[in-house]
C-alpha atoms as a PDB file:
ATOM      1  CA  MET A   1    -140.322-177.916  -3.204  1.00  0.00           C
ATOM      2  CA  THR A   2    -142.840-176.487  -5.225  1.00  0.00           C
ATOM      3  CA  LYS A   3    -142.473-174.567  -8.376  1.00  0.00           C
ATOM      4  CA  VAL A   4    -143.494-171.516  -6.943  1.00  0.00           C
ATOM      5  CA  GLN A   5    -141.463-171.734  -3.404  1.00  0.00           C
ATOM      6  CA  MET A   6    -138.408-172.247  -6.610  1.00  0.00           C
ATOM      7  CA  GLN A   7    -139.884-169.188  -8.492  1.00  0.00           C
ATOM      8  CA  GLU A   8    -140.007-166.899  -4.771  1.00  0.00           C
ATOM      9  CA  VAL A   9    -136.056-168.200  -4.155  1.00  0.00           C
ATOM     10  CA  PHE A  10    -134.624-167.200  -7.336  1.00  0.00           C
ATOM     11  CA  GLU A  11    -136.492-164.119  -7.424  1.00  0.00           C
ATOM     12  CA  THR A  12    -135.247-163.226  -4.249  1.00  0.00           C
ATOM     13  CA  TYR A  13    -131.673-164.057  -4.974  1.00  0.00           C
ATOM     14  CA  GLY A  14    -131.706-161.674  -8.290  1.00  0.00           C
ATOM     15  CA  HIS A  15    -131.777-164.870 -10.462  1.00  0.00           C
ATOM     16  CA  GLY A  16    -135.618-164.187 -11.764  1.00  0.00           C
ATOM     17  CA  GLU A  17    -134.453-164.462 -15.441  1.00  0.00           C
ATOM     18  CA  MET A  18    -132.130-167.377 -14.791  1.00  0.00           C
ATOM     19  CA  TYR A  19    -135.790-169.356 -13.266  1.00  0.00           C
ATOM     20  CA  THR A  20    -137.342-168.406 -16.709  1.00  0.00           C
ATOM     21  CA  ARG A  21    -134.560-169.883 -18.430  1.00  0.00           C
ATOM     22  CA  PHE A  22    -134.104-173.020 -16.195  1.00  0.00           C
ATOM     23  CA  GLN A  23    -138.547-173.625 -15.258  1.00  0.00           C
ATOM     24  CA  THR A  24    -138.834-176.682 -18.139  1.00  0.00           C
ATOM     25  CA  PRO A  25    -134.802-178.941 -17.287  1.00  0.00           C
ATOM     26  CA  LEU A  26    -136.059-178.070 -13.649  1.00  0.00           C
ATOM     27  CA  TYR A  27    -139.217-179.939 -14.238  1.00  0.00           C
ATOM     28  CA  VAL A  28    -138.063-182.005 -16.498  1.00  0.00           C
ATOM     29  CA  THR A  29    -134.812-183.415 -14.325  1.00  0.00           C
ATOM     30  CA  GLY A  30    -136.782-183.245 -11.057  1.00  0.00           C
ATOM     31  CA  LEU A  31    -133.796-182.061  -9.723  1.00  0.00           C
ATOM     32  CA  LEU A  32    -135.031-179.584  -6.964  1.00  0.00           C
ATOM     33  CA  ASP A  33    -138.084-181.325  -6.085  1.00  0.00           C
ATOM     34  CA  GLU A  34    -136.609-183.446  -3.113  1.00  0.00           C
ATOM     35  CA  VAL A  35    -135.008-180.217  -1.642  1.00  0.00           C
ATOM     36  CA  GLU A  36    -136.081-177.885   1.053  1.00  0.00           C
ATOM     37  CA  GLU A  37    -136.108-174.406   0.297  1.00  0.00           C
ATOM     38  CA  GLU A  38    -133.671-173.405   2.371  1.00  0.00           C
ATOM     39  CA  GLN A  39    -131.447-175.698   1.253  1.00  0.00           C
ATOM     40  CA  LEU A  40    -131.539-173.289  -2.341  1.00  0.00           C
ATOM     41  CA  GLU A  41    -131.339-170.188  -0.335  1.00  0.00           C
ATOM     42  CA  ASP A  42    -128.010-171.484   1.542  1.00  0.00           C
ATOM     43  CA  PHE A  43    -126.677-172.500  -2.649  1.00  0.00           C
ATOM     44  CA  PHE A  44    -127.419-169.057  -3.453  1.00  0.00           C
ATOM     45  CA  ASP A  45    -125.866-167.816  -0.341  1.00  0.00           C
ATOM     46  CA  ASN A  46    -122.189-169.398  -0.647  1.00  0.00           C
ATOM     47  CA  ILE A  47    -121.998-169.912  -4.134  1.00  0.00           C
ATOM     48  CA  GLU A  48    -122.161-166.919  -6.873  1.00  0.00           C
ATOM     49  CA  ILE A  49    -123.245-168.138  -9.719  1.00  0.00           C
ATOM     50  CA  SER A  50    -123.363-166.081 -13.546  1.00  0.00           C
ATOM     51  CA  PRO A  51    -127.042-165.396 -14.586  1.00  0.00           C
ATOM     52  CA  HIS A  52    -125.432-166.055 -17.893  1.00  0.00           C
ATOM     53  CA  ALA A  53    -124.520-169.971 -16.643  1.00  0.00           C
ATOM     54  CA  PHE A  54    -126.620-172.521 -18.954  1.00  0.00           C
ATOM     55  CA  PHE A  55    -128.692-175.033 -16.903  1.00  0.00           C
ATOM     56  CA  ASP A  56    -126.109-178.179 -17.024  1.00  0.00           C
ATOM     57  CA  GLU A  57    -123.577-175.536 -15.191  1.00  0.00           C
ATOM     58  CA  PHE A  58    -126.387-174.247 -12.099  1.00  0.00           C
ATOM     59  CA  ARG A  59    -127.362-178.276 -12.047  1.00  0.00           C
ATOM     60  CA  PHE A  60    -122.771-179.095 -11.291  1.00  0.00           C
ATOM     61  CA  TRP A  61    -122.563-176.450  -9.254  1.00  0.00           C
ATOM     62  CA  PHE A  62    -125.941-177.133  -7.372  1.00  0.00           C
ATOM     63  CA  GLN A  63    -124.890-181.024  -6.796  1.00  0.00           C
ATOM     64  CA  TYR A  64    -121.837-180.163  -5.741  1.00  0.00           C
ATOM     65  CA  PHE A  65    -122.540-177.718  -3.399  1.00  0.00           C
ATOM     66  CA  SER A  66    -125.570-180.203  -2.284  1.00  0.00           C
ATOM     67  CA  VAL A  67    -122.532-182.969  -1.633  1.00  0.00           C
ATOM     68  CA  THR A  68    -120.563-181.108   0.552  1.00  0.00           C
ATOM     69  CA  GLN A  69    -123.299-180.069   3.248  1.00  0.00           C
ATOM     70  CA  ARG A  70    -123.760-183.476   4.126  1.00  0.00           C
ATOM     71  CA  SER A  71    -120.207-184.125   5.478  1.00  0.00           C
END
């Protein structure tokens, strides 16, 4: 997913400020590089994450959600 796509999804789900804070860690870790927009949208549809969450918390829940969707 591109940087612009990530930003749009975060903003659509009301997490624009979170994206601003996570922009660098998302780039450095490549967490969402190979992820489709729909998967991030599904995550936000199904997991309620605090707008004040730390990046490590977001990464944990996103990876947890991704693994559960594979089965």
